[in-house]
Amino acid sequence: MDTETRGGRLATYLLEKGLAGAGPLSSAEDLASEYLIDASYGSDEARVDALIRRETRKNFTTGFVTGLGGIVTFPVTIPAALGASWLIQARMAGAIARIYGHDLASERVRTKVLLSLAGDVAKEAMNDLGLKLGNKLTQRAVDQIPGRLLVEVNKRIGARLLANVGARVLMKVPRAVPILGGVVGGSLDAVVCRMTGRSAKTLFKPPAGEVLEADVSRG
């Protein structure tokens, strides 16, 4: 199986399980609802910031636990800790999109979820397709990607994520001392999770003064 095919399967899995929920994780829709129905928050931005903080703490715990062993069932072979963190981050990005009123069934929204958790490798994936997004991901740049290319973009992001698995694993050393290795892995996952949240906020937060049509029916 070539890298692009494997990348496509990974991207599909992250979107399906990350947004619909996997194991003990509820769906991105349900996660967003927890914050949308909480009247103690003064704005959607406050809801999103609280969500990012909570999921970052959770990602540290997941990184610690899975860093000690265990298997996440993925369509491709990747370390358990990395797989768990990707699922949490994809779900968080989807919940952020929903809080801001976006439709999680939208192909462009789903691509933005992947772009959020891909970080810098997202720009590499875009370059592979001849798409120039500039120095950073923005809503305007992503919204200009032709719809017919979105599936291909998802595949390339998945392929890039797989290509960087080795580097992520090496950053979690030393593994010779299990507890220390778990702490290092959990800390890295937490940092990356926070970055993913910030990227998702950038990609999904409506510009000042703009209200999405989906807001009127989100409950």
C-alpha atoms as a PDB file:
ATOM      1  CA  MET A   1       0.000   0.000   0.000  1.00  0.00           C
ATOM      2  CA  ASP A   2       1.540   3.353  -1.032  1.00  0.00           C
ATOM      3  CA  THR A   3       1.948   6.315   1.311  1.00  0.00           C
ATOM      4  CA  GLU A   4      -0.858   8.354  -0.233  1.00  0.00           C
ATOM      5  CA  THR A   5      -3.347   5.501   0.115  1.00  0.00           C
ATOM      6  CA  ARG A   6      -2.315   4.970   3.734  1.00  0.00           C
ATOM      7  CA  GLY A   7      -2.562   8.706   4.315  1.00  0.00           C
ATOM      8  CA  GLY A   8      -6.078   8.740   2.899  1.00  0.00           C
ATOM      9  CA  ARG A   9      -7.146   5.934   5.217  1.00  0.00           C
ATOM     10  CA  LEU A  10      -5.642   7.723   8.197  1.00  0.00           C
ATOM     11  CA  ALA A  11      -7.381  10.997   7.323  1.00  0.00           C
ATOM     12  CA  THR A  12     -10.737   9.240   6.896  1.00  0.00           C
ATOM     13  CA  TYR A  13     -10.337   7.420  10.203  1.00  0.00           C
ATOM     14  CA  LEU A  14      -9.423  10.574  12.106  1.00  0.00           C
ATOM     15  CA  LEU A  15     -12.465  12.371  10.743  1.00  0.00           C
ATOM     16  CA  GLU A  16     -14.880   9.487  11.288  1.00  0.00           C
ATOM     17  CA  LYS A  17     -13.761   8.494  14.775  1.00  0.00           C
ATOM     18  CA  GLY A  18     -12.679  11.939  15.896  1.00  0.00           C
ATOM     19  CA  LEU A  19     -15.986  13.562  14.979  1.00  0.00           C
ATOM     20  CA  ALA A  20     -18.337  10.659  15.722  1.00  0.00           C
ATOM     21  CA  GLY A  21     -16.536   9.569  18.879  1.00  0.00           C
ATOM     22  CA  ALA A  22     -14.428   6.527  19.659  1.00  0.00           C
ATOM     23  CA  GLY A  23     -14.292   4.364  22.770  1.00  0.00           C
ATOM     24  CA  PRO A  24     -14.902   6.547  25.843  1.00  0.00           C
ATOM     25  CA  LEU A  25     -14.838   9.733  23.760  1.00  0.00           C
ATOM     26  CA  SER A  26     -18.207  11.281  22.942  1.00  0.00           C
ATOM     27  CA  SER A  27     -18.801  12.874  19.553  1.00  0.00           C
ATOM     28  CA  ALA A  28     -17.560  16.336  18.636  1.00  0.00           C
ATOM     29  CA  GLU A  29     -21.222  17.400  18.411  1.00  0.00           C
ATOM     30  CA  ASP A  30     -21.940  16.241  21.964  1.00  0.00           C
ATOM     31  CA  LEU A  31     -18.746  17.814  23.255  1.00  0.00           C
ATOM     32  CA  ALA A  32     -19.693  21.152  21.709  1.00  0.00           C
ATOM     33  CA  SER A  33     -23.205  20.892  23.177  1.00  0.00           C
ATOM     34  CA  GLU A  34     -21.761  20.684  26.694  1.00  0.00           C
ATOM     35  CA  TYR A  35     -20.382  24.172  26.223  1.00  0.00           C
ATOM     36  CA  LEU A  36     -23.209  25.637  24.129  1.00  0.00           C
ATOM     37  CA  ILE A  37     -25.832  24.888  26.768  1.00  0.00           C
ATOM     38  CA  ASP A  38     -23.698  26.291  29.591  1.00  0.00           C
ATOM     39  CA  ALA A  39     -24.983  29.824  30.171  1.00  0.00           C
ATOM     40  CA  SER A  40     -22.060  30.666  32.457  1.00  0.00           C
ATOM     41  CA  TYR A  41     -19.919  31.456  29.423  1.00  0.00           C
ATOM     42  CA  GLY A  42     -20.237  35.013  28.165  1.00  0.00           C
ATOM     43  CA  SER A  43     -19.326  34.224  24.560  1.00  0.00           C
ATOM     44  CA  ASP A  44     -18.451  31.451  22.139  1.00  0.00           C
ATOM     45  CA  GLU A  45     -14.817  32.517  22.381  1.00  0.00           C
ATOM     46  CA  ALA A  46     -14.912  31.881  26.136  1.00  0.00           C
ATOM     47  CA  ARG A  47     -16.442  28.462  25.459  1.00  0.00           C
ATOM     48  CA  VAL A  48     -13.720  27.601  22.958  1.00  0.00           C
ATOM     49  CA  ASP A  49     -10.932  28.740  25.277  1.00  0.00           C
ATOM     50  CA  ALA A  50     -12.340  26.614  28.105  1.00  0.00           C
ATOM     51  CA  LEU A  51     -12.664  23.632  25.767  1.00  0.00           C
ATOM     52  CA  ILE A  52      -9.044  23.943  24.642  1.00  0.00           C
ATOM     53  CA  ARG A  53      -7.821  24.092  28.245  1.00  0.00           C
ATOM     54  CA  ARG A  54      -9.778  20.976  29.241  1.00  0.00           C
ATOM     55  CA  GLU A  55      -8.800  18.937  26.205  1.00  0.00           C
ATOM     56  CA  THR A  56      -5.154  19.927  26.641  1.00  0.00           C
ATOM     57  CA  ARG A  57      -5.210  18.523  30.175  1.00  0.00           C
ATOM     58  CA  LYS A  58      -6.897  15.391  28.877  1.00  0.00           C
ATOM     59  CA  ASN A  59      -4.290  15.032  26.145  1.00  0.00           C
ATOM     60  CA  PHE A  60      -1.525  15.116  28.737  1.00  0.00           C
ATOM     61  CA  THR A  61      -3.203  12.277  30.632  1.00  0.00           C
ATOM     62  CA  THR A  62      -3.765  10.257  27.462  1.00  0.00           C
ATOM     63  CA  GLY A  63      -0.168  10.770  26.412  1.00  0.00           C
ATOM     64  CA  PHE A  64       0.995   9.581  29.816  1.00  0.00           C
ATOM     65  CA  VAL A  65      -1.198   6.487  29.915  1.00  0.00           C
ATOM     66  CA  THR A  66      -0.722   5.325  26.336  1.00  0.00           C
ATOM     67  CA  GLY A  67       2.945   6.220  26.542  1.00  0.00           C
ATOM     68  CA  LEU A  68       3.280   3.264  28.934  1.00  0.00           C
ATOM     69  CA  GLY A  69       1.783   0.828  26.440  1.00  0.00           C
ATOM     70  CA  GLY A  70      -1.461  -0.221  24.843  1.00  0.00           C
ATOM     71  CA  ILE A  71      -2.785  -0.232  21.302  1.00  0.00           C
ATOM     72  CA  VAL A  72      -5.112   2.114  19.440  1.00  0.00           C
ATOM     73  CA  THR A  73      -6.772   0.297  16.547  1.00  0.00           C
ATOM     74  CA  PHE A  74      -5.927   2.329  13.439  1.00  0.00           C
ATOM     75  CA  PRO A  75      -6.003   1.417   9.758  1.00  0.00           C
ATOM     76  CA  VAL A  76      -2.244   2.105   9.711  1.00  0.00           C
ATOM     77  CA  THR A  77       0.520   1.248  12.155  1.00  0.00           C
ATOM     78  CA  ILE A  78       1.279   4.161  14.479  1.00  0.00           C
ATOM     79  CA  PRO A  79       2.243   4.483  18.180  1.00  0.00           C
ATOM     80  CA  ALA A  80      -0.692   4.269  20.580  1.00  0.00           C
ATOM     81  CA  ALA A  81       0.032   7.612  22.263  1.00  0.00           C
ATOM     82  CA  LEU A  82       0.184   9.448  18.964  1.00  0.00           C
ATOM     83  CA  GLY A  83      -3.016   7.850  17.698  1.00  0.00           C
ATOM     84  CA  ALA A  84      -4.884   8.731  20.890  1.00  0.00           C
ATOM     85  CA  SER A  85      -3.704  12.351  20.795  1.00  0.00           C
ATOM     86  CA  TRP A  86      -4.732  12.748  17.143  1.00  0.00           C
ATOM     87  CA  LEU A  87      -8.229  11.490  17.909  1.00  0.00           C
ATOM     88  CA  ILE A  88      -8.622  13.870  20.846  1.00  0.00           C
ATOM     89  CA  GLN A  89      -7.351  16.782  18.765  1.00  0.00           C
ATOM     90  CA  ALA A  90      -9.616  15.998  15.804  1.00  0.00           C
ATOM     91  CA  ARG A  91     -12.611  15.801  18.134  1.00  0.00           C
ATOM     92  CA  MET A  92     -11.639  19.082  19.786  1.00  0.00           C
ATOM     93  CA  ALA A  93     -11.250  20.839  16.434  1.00  0.00           C
ATOM     94  CA  GLY A  94     -14.659  19.527  15.365  1.00  0.00           C
ATOM     95  CA  ALA A  95     -16.237  20.744  18.611  1.00  0.00           C
ATOM     96  CA  ILE A  96     -14.685  24.185  18.092  1.00  0.00           C
ATOM     97  CA  ALA A  97     -16.141  24.294  14.599  1.00  0.00           C
ATOM     98  CA  ARG A  98     -19.574  23.386  15.960  1.00  0.00           C
ATOM     99  CA  ILE A  99     -19.423  25.951  18.762  1.00  0.00           C
ATOM    100  CA  TYR A 100     -18.819  28.584  16.113  1.00  0.00           C
ATOM    101  CA  GLY A 101     -21.837  27.305  14.183  1.00  0.00           C
ATOM    102  CA  HIS A 102     -20.244  25.265  11.393  1.00  0.00           C
ATOM    103  CA  ASP A 103     -21.789  22.134   9.881  1.00  0.00           C
ATOM    104  CA  LEU A 104     -19.615  19.114  10.655  1.00  0.00           C
ATOM    105  CA  ALA A 105     -20.964  17.337   7.581  1.00  0.00           C
ATOM    106  CA  SER A 106     -19.395  19.961   5.320  1.00  0.00           C
ATOM    107  CA  GLU A 107     -16.391  18.642   3.402  1.00  0.00           C
ATOM    108  CA  ARG A 108     -14.580  21.963   3.747  1.00  0.00           C
ATOM    109  CA  VAL A 109     -15.155  22.005   7.502  1.00  0.00           C
ATOM    110  CA  ARG A 110     -13.820  18.465   7.756  1.00  0.00           C
ATOM    111  CA  THR A 111     -10.732  19.437   5.783  1.00  0.00           C
ATOM    112  CA  LYS A 112     -10.213  22.362   8.172  1.00  0.00           C
ATOM    113  CA  VAL A 113     -10.362  19.909  11.077  1.00  0.00           C
ATOM    114  CA  LEU A 114      -7.470  17.977   9.532  1.00  0.00           C
ATOM    115  CA  LEU A 115      -5.583  21.184   8.770  1.00  0.00           C
ATOM    116  CA  SER A 116      -5.958  22.215  12.410  1.00  0.00           C
ATOM    117  CA  LEU A 117      -4.251  19.129  13.781  1.00  0.00           C
ATOM    118  CA  ALA A 118      -1.666  18.915  10.992  1.00  0.00           C
ATOM    119  CA  GLY A 119       0.094  22.162  11.939  1.00  0.00           C
ATOM    120  CA  ASP A 120       3.126  23.018   9.827  1.00  0.00           C
ATOM    121  CA  VAL A 121       2.853  19.816   7.772  1.00  0.00           C
ATOM    122  CA  ALA A 122      -0.442  21.168   6.439  1.00  0.00           C
ATOM    123  CA  LYS A 123       1.455  23.789   4.454  1.00  0.00           C
ATOM    124  CA  GLU A 124       3.714  21.077   3.090  1.00  0.00           C
ATOM    125  CA  ALA A 125       0.653  19.117   1.969  1.00  0.00           C
ATOM    126  CA  MET A 126      -0.716  22.219   0.251  1.00  0.00           C
ATOM    127  CA  ASN A 127       2.582  22.824  -1.509  1.00  0.00           C
ATOM    128  CA  ASP A 128       2.467  19.254  -2.850  1.00  0.00           C
ATOM    129  CA  LEU A 129      -0.725  20.241  -4.689  1.00  0.00           C
ATOM    130  CA  GLY A 130       0.589  23.598  -5.852  1.00  0.00           C
ATOM    131  CA  LEU A 131      -1.563  25.494  -3.343  1.00  0.00           C
ATOM    132  CA  LYS A 132       0.166  28.405  -1.641  1.00  0.00           C
ATOM    133  CA  LEU A 133      -1.324  29.371   1.711  1.00  0.00           C
ATOM    134  CA  GLY A 134       1.319  31.911   2.704  1.00  0.00           C
ATOM    135  CA  ASN A 135       3.094  31.898   6.049  1.00  0.00           C
ATOM    136  CA  LYS A 136       0.114  30.690   8.075  1.00  0.00           C
ATOM    137  CA  LEU A 137      -3.272  29.038   7.746  1.00  0.00           C
ATOM    138  CA  THR A 138      -6.174  31.456   7.461  1.00  0.00           C
ATOM    139  CA  GLN A 139      -9.874  31.020   6.756  1.00  0.00           C
ATOM    140  CA  ARG A 140      -9.574  33.058   3.584  1.00  0.00           C
ATOM    141  CA  ALA A 141      -6.748  30.936   2.205  1.00  0.00           C
ATOM    142  CA  VAL A 142      -8.448  27.621   2.973  1.00  0.00           C
ATOM    143  CA  ASP A 143     -11.808  28.810   1.653  1.00  0.00           C
ATOM    144  CA  GLN A 144     -10.155  29.481  -1.700  1.00  0.00           C
ATOM    145  CA  ILE A 145      -9.165  25.840  -2.165  1.00  0.00           C
ATOM    146  CA  PRO A 146     -11.306  24.421  -5.003  1.00  0.00           C
ATOM    147  CA  GLY A 147     -13.913  22.001  -3.681  1.00  0.00           C
ATOM    148  CA  ARG A 148     -12.810  19.287  -6.093  1.00  0.00           C
ATOM    149  CA  LEU A 149      -9.396  19.208  -4.381  1.00  0.00           C
ATOM    150  CA  LEU A 150     -10.584  18.764  -0.789  1.00  0.00           C
ATOM    151  CA  VAL A 151     -10.453  14.956  -0.830  1.00  0.00           C
ATOM    152  CA  GLU A 152      -6.957  15.095  -2.294  1.00  0.00           C
ATOM    153  CA  VAL A 153      -5.931  17.620   0.344  1.00  0.00           C
ATOM    154  CA  ASN A 154      -7.132  15.236   3.065  1.00  0.00           C
ATOM    155  CA  LYS A 155      -5.048  12.408   1.602  1.00  0.00           C
ATOM    156  CA  ARG A 156      -1.941  14.570   1.457  1.00  0.00           C
ATOM    157  CA  ILE A 157      -2.399  15.719   5.040  1.00  0.00           C
ATOM    158  CA  GLY A 158      -2.707  12.103   6.165  1.00  0.00           C
ATOM    159  CA  ALA A 159       0.420  11.175   4.212  1.00  0.00           C
ATOM    160  CA  ARG A 160       2.350  14.056   5.754  1.00  0.00           C
ATOM    161  CA  LEU A 161       1.227  13.084   9.241  1.00  0.00           C
ATOM    162  CA  LEU A 162       2.487   9.554   8.647  1.00  0.00           C
ATOM    163  CA  ALA A 163       5.765  10.848   7.275  1.00  0.00           C
ATOM    164  CA  ASN A 164       6.340  12.766  10.507  1.00  0.00           C
ATOM    165  CA  VAL A 165       5.505   9.926  12.891  1.00  0.00           C
ATOM    166  CA  GLY A 166       9.168   9.044  13.362  1.00  0.00           C
ATOM    167  CA  ALA A 167      10.115  12.583  14.343  1.00  0.00           C
ATOM    168  CA  ARG A 168       7.274  12.785  16.877  1.00  0.00           C
ATOM    169  CA  VAL A 169       8.318   9.486  18.450  1.00  0.00           C
ATOM    170  CA  LEU A 170      11.937  10.583  18.782  1.00  0.00           C
ATOM    171  CA  MET A 171      10.814  13.765  20.539  1.00  0.00           C
ATOM    172  CA  LYS A 172       9.274  11.637  23.286  1.00  0.00           C
ATOM    173  CA  VAL A 173      12.516  10.065  24.479  1.00  0.00           C
ATOM    174  CA  PRO A 174      13.824   8.786  26.822  1.00  0.00           C
ATOM    175  CA  ARG A 175      11.676   5.660  26.536  1.00  0.00           C
ATOM    176  CA  ALA A 176      14.182   3.524  28.449  1.00  0.00           C
ATOM    177  CA  VAL A 177      12.638   4.934  31.650  1.00  0.00           C
ATOM    178  CA  PRO A 178       8.862   4.248  31.200  1.00  0.00           C
ATOM    179  CA  ILE A 179       7.497   6.781  33.703  1.00  0.00           C
ATOM    180  CA  LEU A 180       9.777   9.589  32.513  1.00  0.00           C
ATOM    181  CA  GLY A 181       9.023   8.666  28.919  1.00  0.00           C
ATOM    182  CA  GLY A 182       5.311   8.896  29.672  1.00  0.00           C
ATOM    183  CA  VAL A 183       5.675  12.355  31.184  1.00  0.00           C
ATOM    184  CA  VAL A 184       7.715  13.605  28.224  1.00  0.00           C
ATOM    185  CA  GLY A 185       5.179  12.137  25.797  1.00  0.00           C
ATOM    186  CA  GLY A 186       2.238  13.588  27.688  1.00  0.00           C
ATOM    187  CA  SER A 187       3.820  17.034  27.847  1.00  0.00           C
ATOM    188  CA  LEU A 188       4.490  17.061  24.112  1.00  0.00           C
ATOM    189  CA  ASP A 189       0.938  15.900  23.340  1.00  0.00           C
ATOM    190  CA  ALA A 190      -0.457  18.668  25.548  1.00  0.00           C
ATOM    191  CA  VAL A 191       1.609  21.344  23.766  1.00  0.00           C
ATOM    192  CA  VAL A 192       0.551  20.058  20.351  1.00  0.00           C
ATOM    193  CA  CYS A 193      -3.083  19.838  21.471  1.00  0.00           C
ATOM    194  CA  ARG A 194      -3.030  23.476  22.555  1.00  0.00           C
ATOM    195  CA  MET A 195      -1.543  24.473  19.185  1.00  0.00           C
ATOM    196  CA  THR A 196      -4.251  22.478  17.414  1.00  0.00           C
ATOM    197  CA  GLY A 197      -6.915  24.308  19.397  1.00  0.00           C
ATOM    198  CA  ARG A 198      -5.488  27.676  18.456  1.00  0.00           C
ATOM    199  CA  SER A 199      -5.327  26.690  14.789  1.00  0.00           C
ATOM    200  CA  ALA A 200      -8.943  25.491  14.873  1.00  0.00           C
ATOM    201  CA  LYS A 201      -9.989  28.750  16.503  1.00  0.00           C
ATOM    202  CA  THR A 202      -8.288  30.682  13.699  1.00  0.00           C
ATOM    203  CA  LEU A 203      -9.940  28.575  10.999  1.00  0.00           C
ATOM    204  CA  PHE A 204     -13.459  28.506  12.447  1.00  0.00           C
ATOM    205  CA  LYS A 205     -14.027  31.726  14.370  1.00  0.00           C
ATOM    206  CA  PRO A 206     -16.310  33.997  12.305  1.00  0.00           C
ATOM    207  CA  PRO A 207     -14.757  37.352  11.357  1.00  0.00           C
ATOM    208  CA  ALA A 208     -15.831  40.259  13.581  1.00  0.00           C
ATOM    209  CA  GLY A 209     -19.437  41.224  12.928  1.00  0.00           C
ATOM    210  CA  GLU A 210     -20.213  38.084  10.930  1.00  0.00           C
ATOM    211  CA  VAL A 211     -22.782  35.553  12.132  1.00  0.00           C
ATOM    212  CA  LEU A 212     -23.012  32.165  10.462  1.00  0.00           C
ATOM    213  CA  GLU A 213     -26.421  31.095   9.200  1.00  0.00           C
ATOM    214  CA  ALA A 214     -25.939  27.819  11.070  1.00  0.00           C
ATOM    215  CA  ASP A 215     -26.008  29.729  14.364  1.00  0.00           C
ATOM    216  CA  VAL A 216     -29.782  30.120  14.251  1.00  0.00           C
ATOM    217  CA  SER A 217     -30.381  26.395  14.453  1.00  0.00           C
ATOM    218  CA  ARG A 218     -27.542  25.050  16.537  1.00  0.00           C
ATOM    219  CA  GLY A 219     -29.473  25.005  19.828  1.00  0.00           C
END
